[in-house]
Amino acid sequence: MPEITFLEVPFNEKSEAKSRGAKWHAEKRKWFIPEDADKTKFEKWIPEYESEFTLRAIAPFYLIVATEICYKCSNPSKVITFGAAGCEGEDENESVPVKFEYIAVLPYRLKNFVETNYPKYYLDWSNTTESFYYINHCEHCGTVLGDFFMHHEPDGAFFPQSPEDVKEMEVIELKGDGFVKLNAEPSWGIMGFIMECATVEKYQP
């Protein structure tokens, strides 16, 4: 299946994008380029990043699965992020457990894994950061569940307050050694607590 190219189309330019042949993806709520279309017609809306990858996570590399209560519909929703044993080039923090937020670019195989297994976690526009990053969405109503609250507020999905909170999370080792390239922001501190209390499982395809 060919990879879909999603577009960054401002609200006031949606009519222009549609007239050029862009299609609307109802589930992702984003415009995209049809497979047989001429991509040059959409160049102004194709996302560009200053640097594709900004860091290398040091394996073991983990998938973290937690639950967040949607602030809009009040239903529990499965949410994900990633963590690692360390982050290359961070000096004294290089070997300190780290989790990642505001992830803008994933390597190809990890991107495919996410799209297949966690379709509610996808690249979307954030009004808060004024940028695109991989954002969790409510499984029930599609509401954006942004990174800041879940990573930085006590009792947020990725900010557990007790060992019991951690036990309710899933920590799955996706890669046992080497590195994983990302475009993301590293976050230390709470990941050490998560790793102390979590039962880590190895990924089983």
N, C-alpha and C. Protein backbone atom coordinates (compact mmCIF):
# COMPACT_ATOMS: atom_id res chain seq x y z
N MET A 1 0.84 -1.20 0.00
CA MET A 1 0.00 0.00 0.00
C MET A 1 0.88 1.26 0.00
N PRO A 2 0.67 2.18 -0.94
CA PRO A 2 1.50 3.39 -0.99
C PRO A 2 1.28 4.27 0.22
N GLU A 3 2.33 4.98 0.61
CA GLU A 3 2.23 5.88 1.76
C GLU A 3 1.42 7.12 1.39
N ILE A 4 0.52 7.52 2.28
CA ILE A 4 -0.30 8.70 2.04
C ILE A 4 0.47 9.95 2.44
N THR A 5 0.45 10.95 1.58
CA THR A 5 1.06 12.24 1.90
C THR A 5 -0.02 13.18 2.39
N PHE A 6 0.03 13.47 3.70
CA PHE A 6 -0.92 14.41 4.27
C PHE A 6 -0.40 15.84 4.11
N LEU A 7 -1.32 16.78 4.11
CA LEU A 7 -0.97 18.17 3.83
C LEU A 7 -1.26 19.07 5.03
N GLU A 8 -0.50 20.15 5.13
CA GLU A 8 -0.75 21.19 6.12
C GLU A 8 -1.50 22.32 5.41
N VAL A 9 -2.81 22.26 5.46
CA VAL A 9 -3.64 23.22 4.73
C VAL A 9 -4.32 24.17 5.71
N PRO A 10 -3.98 25.46 5.70
CA PRO A 10 -4.69 26.42 6.56
C PRO A 10 -6.17 26.44 6.21
N PHE A 11 -6.99 26.78 7.18
CA PHE A 11 -8.44 26.75 6.99
C PHE A 11 -8.88 27.61 5.80
N ASN A 12 -8.23 28.78 5.64
CA ASN A 12 -8.66 29.70 4.57
C ASN A 12 -8.17 29.28 3.19
N GLU A 13 -7.43 28.15 3.11
CA GLU A 13 -6.93 27.68 1.81
C GLU A 13 -7.51 26.33 1.44
N LYS A 14 -8.49 25.84 2.21
CA LYS A 14 -9.02 24.51 1.95
C LYS A 14 -9.72 24.42 0.60
N SER A 15 -10.38 25.52 0.18
CA SER A 15 -11.06 25.50 -1.12
C SER A 15 -10.06 25.39 -2.26
N GLU A 16 -8.93 26.07 -2.11
CA GLU A 16 -7.88 26.00 -3.13
C GLU A 16 -7.30 24.60 -3.20
N ALA A 17 -7.04 24.00 -2.04
CA ALA A 17 -6.50 22.64 -2.02
C ALA A 17 -7.46 21.66 -2.68
N LYS A 18 -8.75 21.82 -2.39
CA LYS A 18 -9.75 20.93 -2.97
C LYS A 18 -9.82 21.11 -4.48
N SER A 19 -9.72 22.36 -4.95
CA SER A 19 -9.79 22.61 -6.38
C SER A 19 -8.60 22.03 -7.13
N ARG A 20 -7.49 21.87 -6.43
CA ARG A 20 -6.29 21.28 -7.05
C ARG A 20 -6.31 19.76 -7.01
N GLY A 21 -7.33 19.20 -6.35
CA GLY A 21 -7.48 17.74 -6.33
C GLY A 21 -7.21 17.07 -5.01
N ALA A 22 -6.92 17.84 -3.95
CA ALA A 22 -6.68 17.23 -2.64
C ALA A 22 -7.97 16.56 -2.16
N LYS A 23 -7.80 15.48 -1.41
CA LYS A 23 -8.94 14.75 -0.86
C LYS A 23 -8.93 14.88 0.66
N TRP A 24 -10.13 14.75 1.26
CA TRP A 24 -10.28 14.86 2.70
C TRP A 24 -10.33 13.48 3.33
N HIS A 25 -9.47 13.24 4.32
CA HIS A 25 -9.43 11.97 5.04
C HIS A 25 -10.30 12.14 6.28
N ALA A 26 -11.47 11.50 6.29
CA ALA A 26 -12.46 11.73 7.36
C ALA A 26 -11.94 11.31 8.73
N GLU A 27 -11.25 10.18 8.80
CA GLU A 27 -10.77 9.70 10.10
C GLU A 27 -9.64 10.57 10.64
N LYS A 28 -8.66 10.90 9.79
CA LYS A 28 -7.53 11.72 10.22
C LYS A 28 -7.88 13.20 10.28
N ARG A 29 -8.98 13.56 9.60
CA ARG A 29 -9.43 14.95 9.51
C ARG A 29 -8.32 15.84 8.93
N LYS A 30 -7.77 15.36 7.82
CA LYS A 30 -6.69 16.08 7.15
C LYS A 30 -6.83 15.91 5.64
N TRP A 31 -6.33 16.89 4.90
CA TRP A 31 -6.27 16.78 3.45
C TRP A 31 -5.06 15.93 3.07
N PHE A 32 -5.20 15.20 1.94
CA PHE A 32 -4.09 14.39 1.46
C PHE A 32 -4.05 14.37 -0.06
N ILE A 33 -2.93 13.93 -0.60
CA ILE A 33 -2.73 13.90 -2.05
C ILE A 33 -3.18 12.54 -2.59
N PRO A 34 -4.11 12.50 -3.54
CA PRO A 34 -4.51 11.22 -4.14
C PRO A 34 -3.32 10.54 -4.79
N GLU A 35 -3.36 9.22 -4.84
CA GLU A 35 -2.23 8.43 -5.32
C GLU A 35 -1.80 8.82 -6.73
N ASP A 36 -2.76 9.12 -7.62
CA ASP A 36 -2.44 9.39 -9.02
C ASP A 36 -2.26 10.88 -9.34
N ALA A 37 -2.22 11.73 -8.29
CA ALA A 37 -2.14 13.18 -8.51
C ALA A 37 -0.70 13.64 -8.69
N ASP A 38 -0.55 14.81 -9.29
CA ASP A 38 0.75 15.44 -9.46
C ASP A 38 1.12 16.19 -8.18
N LYS A 39 2.15 15.70 -7.47
CA LYS A 39 2.49 16.28 -6.17
C LYS A 39 2.94 17.73 -6.27
N THR A 40 3.43 18.14 -7.44
CA THR A 40 3.92 19.51 -7.57
C THR A 40 2.80 20.54 -7.35
N LYS A 41 1.55 20.12 -7.56
CA LYS A 41 0.42 21.03 -7.35
C LYS A 41 0.19 21.34 -5.87
N PHE A 42 0.81 20.53 -5.01
CA PHE A 42 0.52 20.65 -3.57
C PHE A 42 1.76 21.02 -2.75
N GLU A 43 2.83 21.43 -3.44
CA GLU A 43 4.10 21.66 -2.75
C GLU A 43 3.99 22.63 -1.59
N LYS A 44 3.15 23.67 -1.73
CA LYS A 44 3.05 24.68 -0.68
C LYS A 44 2.48 24.13 0.63
N TRP A 45 1.81 22.96 0.55
CA TRP A 45 1.19 22.39 1.75
C TRP A 45 1.86 21.12 2.24
N ILE A 46 2.87 20.64 1.54
CA ILE A 46 3.56 19.42 1.98
C ILE A 46 4.44 19.78 3.17
N PRO A 47 4.30 19.07 4.32
CA PRO A 47 5.07 19.42 5.52
C PRO A 47 6.57 19.35 5.29
N GLU A 48 7.27 20.30 5.84
CA GLU A 48 8.72 20.32 5.79
C GLU A 48 9.24 20.48 7.22
N TYR A 49 10.32 19.83 7.50
CA TYR A 49 10.92 19.92 8.82
C TYR A 49 12.37 20.40 8.67
N GLU A 50 12.81 21.22 9.63
CA GLU A 50 14.17 21.74 9.56
C GLU A 50 15.18 20.61 9.57
N SER A 51 14.91 19.59 10.36
CA SER A 51 15.79 18.43 10.43
C SER A 51 14.92 17.20 10.62
N GLU A 52 15.08 16.20 9.78
CA GLU A 52 14.20 15.04 9.87
C GLU A 52 14.33 14.37 11.23
N PHE A 53 15.56 14.11 11.68
CA PHE A 53 15.79 13.52 12.98
C PHE A 53 16.65 14.45 13.82
N THR A 54 16.26 14.63 15.08
CA THR A 54 16.99 15.55 15.95
C THR A 54 17.75 14.85 17.06
N LEU A 55 17.49 13.54 17.26
CA LEU A 55 18.18 12.83 18.33
C LEU A 55 18.20 11.34 18.04
N ARG A 56 19.02 10.63 18.82
CA ARG A 56 19.06 9.17 18.75
C ARG A 56 18.80 8.62 20.14
N ALA A 57 17.70 7.89 20.27
CA ALA A 57 17.37 7.24 21.53
C ALA A 57 18.23 5.99 21.67
N ILE A 58 18.77 5.79 22.87
CA ILE A 58 19.61 4.63 23.13
C ILE A 58 18.75 3.48 23.64
N ALA A 59 18.77 2.37 22.92
CA ALA A 59 17.98 1.20 23.32
C ALA A 59 18.55 0.60 24.61
N PRO A 60 17.70 -0.13 25.36
CA PRO A 60 16.35 -0.56 25.02
C PRO A 60 15.39 0.61 24.77
N PHE A 61 14.55 0.43 23.74
CA PHE A 61 13.58 1.44 23.33
C PHE A 61 12.20 0.87 23.61
N TYR A 62 11.36 1.68 24.28
CA TYR A 62 10.10 1.17 24.80
C TYR A 62 8.88 1.88 24.21
N LEU A 63 7.82 1.13 24.07
CA LEU A 63 6.48 1.67 23.84
C LEU A 63 5.79 1.73 25.19
N ILE A 64 5.22 2.89 25.52
CA ILE A 64 4.49 3.05 26.78
C ILE A 64 3.02 3.27 26.45
N VAL A 65 2.17 2.40 27.00
CA VAL A 65 0.74 2.47 26.76
C VAL A 65 0.05 2.80 28.09
N ALA A 66 -0.78 3.84 28.10
CA ALA A 66 -1.48 4.25 29.31
C ALA A 66 -2.92 4.60 28.97
N THR A 67 -3.64 5.06 29.97
CA THR A 67 -5.04 5.44 29.78
C THR A 67 -5.25 6.88 30.20
N GLU A 68 -5.94 7.64 29.37
CA GLU A 68 -6.27 9.03 29.67
C GLU A 68 -7.79 9.21 29.57
N ILE A 69 -8.36 9.93 30.52
CA ILE A 69 -9.79 10.24 30.47
C ILE A 69 -9.99 11.45 29.58
N CYS A 70 -10.80 11.30 28.54
CA CYS A 70 -11.04 12.41 27.62
C CYS A 70 -11.76 13.54 28.35
N TYR A 71 -11.22 14.74 28.22
CA TYR A 71 -11.82 15.89 28.90
C TYR A 71 -13.15 16.31 28.26
N LYS A 72 -13.40 15.83 27.06
CA LYS A 72 -14.62 16.24 26.36
C LYS A 72 -15.77 15.25 26.57
N CYS A 73 -15.50 13.95 26.36
CA CYS A 73 -16.58 12.97 26.48
C CYS A 73 -16.50 12.14 27.75
N SER A 74 -15.41 12.30 28.52
CA SER A 74 -15.23 11.64 29.83
C SER A 74 -15.02 10.13 29.74
N ASN A 75 -14.75 9.62 28.53
CA ASN A 75 -14.47 8.19 28.38
C ASN A 75 -12.97 7.92 28.46
N PRO A 76 -12.58 6.74 28.97
CA PRO A 76 -11.16 6.38 29.00
C PRO A 76 -10.67 6.04 27.60
N SER A 77 -9.47 6.46 27.29
CA SER A 77 -8.91 6.22 25.96
C SER A 77 -7.46 5.76 26.08
N LYS A 78 -7.08 4.79 25.26
CA LYS A 78 -5.71 4.29 25.25
C LYS A 78 -4.81 5.33 24.56
N VAL A 79 -3.70 5.65 25.20
CA VAL A 79 -2.75 6.62 24.64
C VAL A 79 -1.34 6.03 24.71
N ILE A 80 -0.45 6.51 23.83
CA ILE A 80 0.90 5.95 23.79
C ILE A 80 1.96 7.04 23.72
N THR A 81 3.16 6.66 24.12
CA THR A 81 4.35 7.45 23.87
C THR A 81 5.52 6.47 23.84
N PHE A 82 6.73 6.99 23.79
CA PHE A 82 7.90 6.12 23.71
C PHE A 82 8.95 6.55 24.74
N GLY A 83 9.76 5.59 25.14
CA GLY A 83 10.83 5.87 26.09
C GLY A 83 12.06 5.07 25.72
N ALA A 84 13.16 5.35 26.41
CA ALA A 84 14.41 4.65 26.11
C ALA A 84 15.32 4.67 27.32
N ALA A 85 16.40 3.88 27.23
CA ALA A 85 17.37 3.80 28.32
C ALA A 85 18.19 5.08 28.43
N GLY A 86 18.26 5.84 27.35
CA GLY A 86 19.02 7.08 27.36
C GLY A 86 18.89 7.81 26.04
N CYS A 87 19.61 8.92 25.94
CA CYS A 87 19.54 9.75 24.74
C CYS A 87 20.95 10.19 24.37
N GLU A 88 21.39 9.84 23.18
CA GLU A 88 22.76 10.11 22.77
C GLU A 88 23.05 11.61 22.73
N GLY A 89 24.23 12.01 23.23
CA GLY A 89 24.66 13.39 23.15
C GLY A 89 24.14 14.28 24.26
N GLU A 90 23.53 13.70 25.29
CA GLU A 90 22.97 14.51 26.37
C GLU A 90 23.86 14.55 27.59
N ASP A 91 25.15 14.28 27.40
CA ASP A 91 26.16 14.37 28.45
C ASP A 91 25.77 13.58 29.69
N GLU A 92 25.52 14.29 30.82
CA GLU A 92 25.23 13.59 32.07
C GLU A 92 23.91 12.83 32.03
N ASN A 93 23.03 13.17 31.09
CA ASN A 93 21.74 12.49 30.98
C ASN A 93 21.75 11.37 29.96
N GLU A 94 22.89 11.12 29.33
CA GLU A 94 22.93 10.17 28.23
C GLU A 94 22.47 8.78 28.65
N SER A 95 22.79 8.36 29.88
CA SER A 95 22.42 7.02 30.33
C SER A 95 21.27 7.04 31.32
N VAL A 96 20.50 8.13 31.34
CA VAL A 96 19.35 8.26 32.24
C VAL A 96 18.07 7.91 31.46
N PRO A 97 17.21 7.08 32.03
CA PRO A 97 15.96 6.74 31.33
C PRO A 97 15.20 7.99 30.90
N VAL A 98 14.66 7.96 29.71
CA VAL A 98 14.04 9.14 29.12
C VAL A 98 12.76 8.75 28.38
N LYS A 99 11.77 9.61 28.42
CA LYS A 99 10.61 9.42 27.55
C LYS A 99 10.54 10.60 26.60
N PHE A 100 9.72 10.47 25.57
CA PHE A 100 9.72 11.47 24.50
C PHE A 100 8.33 12.07 24.31
N GLU A 101 8.31 13.34 24.00
CA GLU A 101 7.06 14.06 23.74
C GLU A 101 7.24 14.93 22.51
N TYR A 102 6.13 15.47 22.01
CA TYR A 102 6.15 16.30 20.80
C TYR A 102 6.96 15.65 19.69
N ILE A 103 6.64 14.41 19.40
CA ILE A 103 7.35 13.64 18.38
C ILE A 103 6.85 14.05 17.00
N ALA A 104 7.74 14.60 16.18
CA ALA A 104 7.35 15.11 14.87
C ALA A 104 7.68 14.15 13.74
N VAL A 105 8.72 13.33 13.92
CA VAL A 105 9.12 12.39 12.87
C VAL A 105 9.48 11.05 13.51
N LEU A 106 8.93 9.97 12.94
CA LEU A 106 9.26 8.61 13.34
C LEU A 106 9.97 7.90 12.21
N PRO A 107 10.89 6.99 12.51
CA PRO A 107 11.50 6.19 11.44
C PRO A 107 10.43 5.34 10.76
N TYR A 108 10.71 4.96 9.54
CA TYR A 108 9.70 4.34 8.68
C TYR A 108 9.03 3.12 9.31
N ARG A 109 9.82 2.18 9.85
CA ARG A 109 9.22 0.95 10.41
C ARG A 109 8.38 1.26 11.64
N LEU A 110 8.84 2.18 12.47
CA LEU A 110 8.08 2.54 13.65
C LEU A 110 6.79 3.27 13.27
N LYS A 111 6.88 4.09 12.24
CA LYS A 111 5.69 4.80 11.74
C LYS A 111 4.64 3.80 11.27
N ASN A 112 5.06 2.78 10.53
CA ASN A 112 4.13 1.76 10.05
C ASN A 112 3.53 0.97 11.20
N PHE A 113 4.34 0.69 12.22
CA PHE A 113 3.87 -0.03 13.40
C PHE A 113 2.77 0.76 14.10
N VAL A 114 3.00 2.06 14.26
CA VAL A 114 2.01 2.92 14.91
C VAL A 114 0.73 2.99 14.09
N GLU A 115 0.85 3.20 12.80
CA GLU A 115 -0.35 3.32 11.95
C GLU A 115 -1.19 2.05 11.98
N THR A 116 -0.53 0.90 12.08
CA THR A 116 -1.24 -0.38 12.08
C THR A 116 -1.89 -0.67 13.43
N ASN A 117 -1.17 -0.37 14.51
CA ASN A 117 -1.63 -0.78 15.84
C ASN A 117 -2.28 0.31 16.67
N TYR A 118 -1.96 1.57 16.38
CA TYR A 118 -2.50 2.67 17.18
C TYR A 118 -2.95 3.81 16.26
N PRO A 119 -4.03 3.57 15.51
CA PRO A 119 -4.47 4.54 14.49
C PRO A 119 -4.93 5.87 15.06
N LYS A 120 -5.19 5.96 16.37
CA LYS A 120 -5.62 7.23 16.96
C LYS A 120 -4.43 8.09 17.39
N TYR A 121 -3.22 7.62 17.10
CA TYR A 121 -2.00 8.38 17.38
C TYR A 121 -1.40 8.74 16.03
N TYR A 122 -1.59 9.99 15.63
CA TYR A 122 -1.13 10.36 14.30
C TYR A 122 -0.71 11.83 14.24
N LEU A 123 -0.01 12.17 13.17
CA LEU A 123 0.49 13.52 12.97
C LEU A 123 -0.67 14.48 12.79
N ASP A 124 -0.73 15.49 13.66
CA ASP A 124 -1.84 16.43 13.62
C ASP A 124 -1.33 17.80 14.05
N TRP A 125 -2.11 18.82 13.72
CA TRP A 125 -1.73 20.20 14.04
C TRP A 125 -2.10 20.52 15.48
N SER A 126 -1.17 21.16 16.20
CA SER A 126 -1.43 21.60 17.57
C SER A 126 -1.49 23.12 17.60
N ASN A 127 -2.62 23.68 18.03
CA ASN A 127 -2.71 25.12 18.19
C ASN A 127 -1.82 25.63 19.33
N THR A 128 -1.58 24.77 20.31
CA THR A 128 -0.75 25.14 21.46
C THR A 128 0.69 25.36 21.05
N THR A 129 1.26 24.40 20.31
CA THR A 129 2.66 24.50 19.88
C THR A 129 2.82 25.15 18.52
N GLU A 130 1.69 25.32 17.81
CA GLU A 130 1.70 25.84 16.44
C GLU A 130 2.63 25.01 15.55
N SER A 131 2.45 23.71 15.65
CA SER A 131 3.27 22.79 14.86
C SER A 131 2.54 21.46 14.74
N PHE A 132 3.02 20.62 13.83
CA PHE A 132 2.51 19.27 13.71
C PHE A 132 3.36 18.34 14.58
N TYR A 133 2.72 17.46 15.31
CA TYR A 133 3.44 16.38 15.97
C TYR A 133 2.47 15.21 16.14
N TYR A 134 3.01 14.05 16.51
CA TYR A 134 2.17 12.87 16.69
C TYR A 134 1.36 13.04 17.97
N ILE A 135 0.03 13.13 17.81
CA ILE A 135 -0.86 13.42 18.91
C ILE A 135 -1.83 12.26 19.12
N ASN A 136 -2.06 11.93 20.39
CA ASN A 136 -3.10 10.96 20.72
C ASN A 136 -4.47 11.61 20.57
N HIS A 137 -5.45 10.82 20.15
CA HIS A 137 -6.83 11.29 20.01
C HIS A 137 -7.75 10.33 20.74
N CYS A 138 -8.80 10.89 21.30
CA CYS A 138 -9.79 10.06 22.01
C CYS A 138 -10.33 8.97 21.07
N GLU A 139 -10.37 7.75 21.57
CA GLU A 139 -10.86 6.64 20.77
C GLU A 139 -12.36 6.71 20.53
N HIS A 140 -13.06 7.54 21.30
CA HIS A 140 -14.52 7.60 21.23
C HIS A 140 -15.03 8.80 20.44
N CYS A 141 -14.45 10.00 20.70
CA CYS A 141 -14.97 11.20 20.05
C CYS A 141 -13.94 11.90 19.17
N GLY A 142 -12.69 11.41 19.17
CA GLY A 142 -11.67 11.98 18.30
C GLY A 142 -11.01 13.24 18.82
N THR A 143 -11.35 13.68 20.04
CA THR A 143 -10.76 14.89 20.61
C THR A 143 -9.25 14.75 20.76
N VAL A 144 -8.52 15.82 20.47
CA VAL A 144 -7.07 15.85 20.64
C VAL A 144 -6.72 15.73 22.12
N LEU A 145 -5.83 14.80 22.44
CA LEU A 145 -5.31 14.64 23.80
C LEU A 145 -3.83 15.01 23.75
N GLY A 146 -3.56 16.30 23.95
CA GLY A 146 -2.22 16.83 23.73
C GLY A 146 -1.18 16.36 24.73
N ASP A 147 0.08 16.51 24.36
CA ASP A 147 1.18 16.00 25.16
C ASP A 147 1.38 16.73 26.49
N PHE A 148 1.18 18.05 26.53
CA PHE A 148 1.59 18.79 27.72
C PHE A 148 0.93 18.25 28.99
N PHE A 149 -0.39 18.16 29.00
CA PHE A 149 -1.07 17.70 30.21
C PHE A 149 -0.65 16.29 30.58
N MET A 150 -0.61 15.39 29.60
CA MET A 150 -0.33 13.98 29.91
C MET A 150 1.10 13.76 30.40
N HIS A 151 2.03 14.60 29.97
CA HIS A 151 3.44 14.42 30.35
C HIS A 151 3.87 15.27 31.55
N HIS A 152 3.16 16.36 31.82
CA HIS A 152 3.67 17.32 32.82
C HIS A 152 2.76 17.59 34.01
N GLU A 153 1.52 17.13 33.94
CA GLU A 153 0.61 17.35 35.06
C GLU A 153 0.48 16.08 35.89
N PRO A 154 0.56 16.19 37.24
CA PRO A 154 0.36 15.01 38.08
C PRO A 154 -0.95 14.31 37.73
N ASP A 155 -0.87 12.99 37.65
CA ASP A 155 -2.00 12.13 37.27
C ASP A 155 -2.29 12.16 35.78
N GLY A 156 -1.48 12.89 34.99
CA GLY A 156 -1.57 12.75 33.55
C GLY A 156 -1.16 11.34 33.17
N ALA A 157 -1.55 10.89 32.01
CA ALA A 157 -1.32 9.49 31.60
C ALA A 157 0.14 9.06 31.75
N PHE A 158 1.08 9.97 31.44
CA PHE A 158 2.50 9.62 31.48
C PHE A 158 3.24 10.30 32.64
N PHE A 159 2.46 10.66 33.69
CA PHE A 159 3.03 11.27 34.88
C PHE A 159 2.45 10.55 36.10
N PRO A 160 2.74 9.24 36.25
CA PRO A 160 2.17 8.46 37.35
C PRO A 160 2.65 8.96 38.70
N GLN A 161 1.78 8.84 39.72
CA GLN A 161 2.09 9.33 41.05
C GLN A 161 2.41 8.22 42.05
N SER A 162 2.21 6.98 41.66
CA SER A 162 2.44 5.88 42.59
C SER A 162 2.83 4.63 41.81
N PRO A 163 3.44 3.64 42.48
CA PRO A 163 3.74 2.38 41.81
C PRO A 163 2.49 1.72 41.25
N GLU A 164 1.35 1.91 41.93
CA GLU A 164 0.09 1.33 41.45
C GLU A 164 -0.30 1.96 40.11
N ASP A 165 -0.06 3.27 39.95
CA ASP A 165 -0.35 3.93 38.68
C ASP A 165 0.50 3.32 37.56
N VAL A 166 1.78 3.06 37.88
CA VAL A 166 2.68 2.50 36.88
C VAL A 166 2.24 1.10 36.48
N LYS A 167 1.77 0.33 37.45
CA LYS A 167 1.34 -1.04 37.17
C LYS A 167 0.17 -1.09 36.19
N GLU A 168 -0.56 0.01 36.10
CA GLU A 168 -1.68 0.06 35.16
C GLU A 168 -1.23 0.41 33.75
N MET A 169 0.04 0.76 33.59
CA MET A 169 0.59 1.07 32.28
C MET A 169 1.20 -0.18 31.67
N GLU A 170 1.34 -0.19 30.36
CA GLU A 170 2.08 -1.24 29.67
C GLU A 170 3.40 -0.65 29.20
N VAL A 171 4.49 -1.31 29.51
CA VAL A 171 5.80 -0.89 29.01
C VAL A 171 6.35 -2.06 28.20
N ILE A 172 6.48 -1.85 26.90
CA ILE A 172 6.84 -2.92 25.97
C ILE A 172 8.16 -2.60 25.30
N GLU A 173 9.11 -3.49 25.41
CA GLU A 173 10.42 -3.28 24.77
C GLU A 173 10.30 -3.61 23.28
N LEU A 174 10.48 -2.58 22.46
CA LEU A 174 10.40 -2.77 21.01
C LEU A 174 11.75 -3.09 20.39
N LYS A 175 12.83 -2.57 20.98
CA LYS A 175 14.17 -2.76 20.42
C LYS A 175 15.14 -2.91 21.58
N GLY A 176 15.92 -4.00 21.57
CA GLY A 176 16.78 -4.32 22.70
C GLY A 176 18.13 -3.67 22.71
N ASP A 177 18.67 -3.33 21.52
CA ASP A 177 19.99 -2.69 21.48
C ASP A 177 20.07 -1.76 20.27
N GLY A 178 21.13 -0.97 20.24
CA GLY A 178 21.31 -0.02 19.14
C GLY A 178 20.65 1.31 19.44
N PHE A 179 20.14 1.97 18.37
CA PHE A 179 19.58 3.31 18.49
C PHE A 179 18.27 3.39 17.71
N VAL A 180 17.46 4.39 18.05
CA VAL A 180 16.26 4.72 17.30
C VAL A 180 16.27 6.22 17.07
N LYS A 181 16.23 6.62 15.81
CA LYS A 181 16.24 8.04 15.48
C LYS A 181 14.83 8.62 15.61
N LEU A 182 14.75 9.85 16.16
CA LEU A 182 13.47 10.53 16.33
C LEU A 182 13.65 12.02 16.11
N ASN A 183 12.55 12.69 15.82
CA ASN A 183 12.49 14.14 15.95
C ASN A 183 11.52 14.36 17.10
N ALA A 184 12.04 14.70 18.27
CA ALA A 184 11.21 14.75 19.47
C ALA A 184 11.91 15.56 20.55
N GLU A 185 11.19 15.79 21.65
CA GLU A 185 11.76 16.42 22.82
C GLU A 185 11.92 15.38 23.92
N PRO A 186 13.14 15.21 24.46
CA PRO A 186 13.35 14.26 25.55
C PRO A 186 12.87 14.83 26.88
N SER A 187 12.42 13.94 27.76
CA SER A 187 11.95 14.35 29.09
C SER A 187 12.45 13.34 30.11
N TRP A 188 13.21 13.81 31.10
CA TRP A 188 13.78 12.92 32.10
C TRP A 188 12.98 12.98 33.39
N GLY A 189 13.42 12.26 34.38
CA GLY A 189 12.81 12.32 35.71
C GLY A 189 11.81 11.20 35.92
N ILE A 190 10.61 11.40 35.44
CA ILE A 190 9.54 10.44 35.71
C ILE A 190 9.78 9.09 35.04
N MET A 191 10.55 9.08 33.94
CA MET A 191 10.79 7.81 33.25
C MET A 191 11.59 6.86 34.14
N GLY A 192 12.49 7.39 34.97
CA GLY A 192 13.23 6.54 35.90
C GLY A 192 12.29 5.85 36.88
N PHE A 193 11.31 6.60 37.37
CA PHE A 193 10.32 6.03 38.28
C PHE A 193 9.48 4.98 37.58
N ILE A 194 9.10 5.25 36.34
CA ILE A 194 8.32 4.27 35.57
C ILE A 194 9.10 2.97 35.43
N MET A 195 10.38 3.07 35.09
CA MET A 195 11.18 1.87 34.87
C MET A 195 11.43 1.11 36.17
N GLU A 196 11.49 1.82 37.28
CA GLU A 196 11.67 1.15 38.58
C GLU A 196 10.45 0.31 38.94
N CYS A 197 9.28 0.76 38.57
CA CYS A 197 8.03 0.11 39.02
C CYS A 197 7.36 -0.75 37.96
N ALA A 198 7.75 -0.60 36.72
CA ALA A 198 7.03 -1.28 35.63
C ALA A 198 7.45 -2.73 35.47
N THR A 199 6.54 -3.52 34.95
CA THR A 199 6.86 -4.86 34.48
C THR A 199 7.02 -4.76 32.97
N VAL A 200 8.24 -4.89 32.49
CA VAL A 200 8.54 -4.71 31.08
C VAL A 200 8.32 -6.00 30.32
N GLU A 201 7.58 -5.93 29.23
CA GLU A 201 7.36 -7.07 28.37
C GLU A 201 8.07 -6.85 27.05
N LYS A 202 8.55 -7.90 26.44
CA LYS A 202 9.17 -7.80 25.12
C LYS A 202 8.07 -7.90 24.05
N TYR A 203 8.24 -7.12 23.01
CA TYR A 203 7.25 -7.10 21.93
C TYR A 203 7.18 -8.44 21.24
N GLN A 204 5.96 -8.94 21.06
CA GLN A 204 5.72 -10.18 20.35
C GLN A 204 4.91 -9.89 19.10
N PRO A 205 5.54 -9.93 17.91
CA PRO A 205 4.79 -9.63 16.66
C PRO A 205 3.62 -10.58 16.47
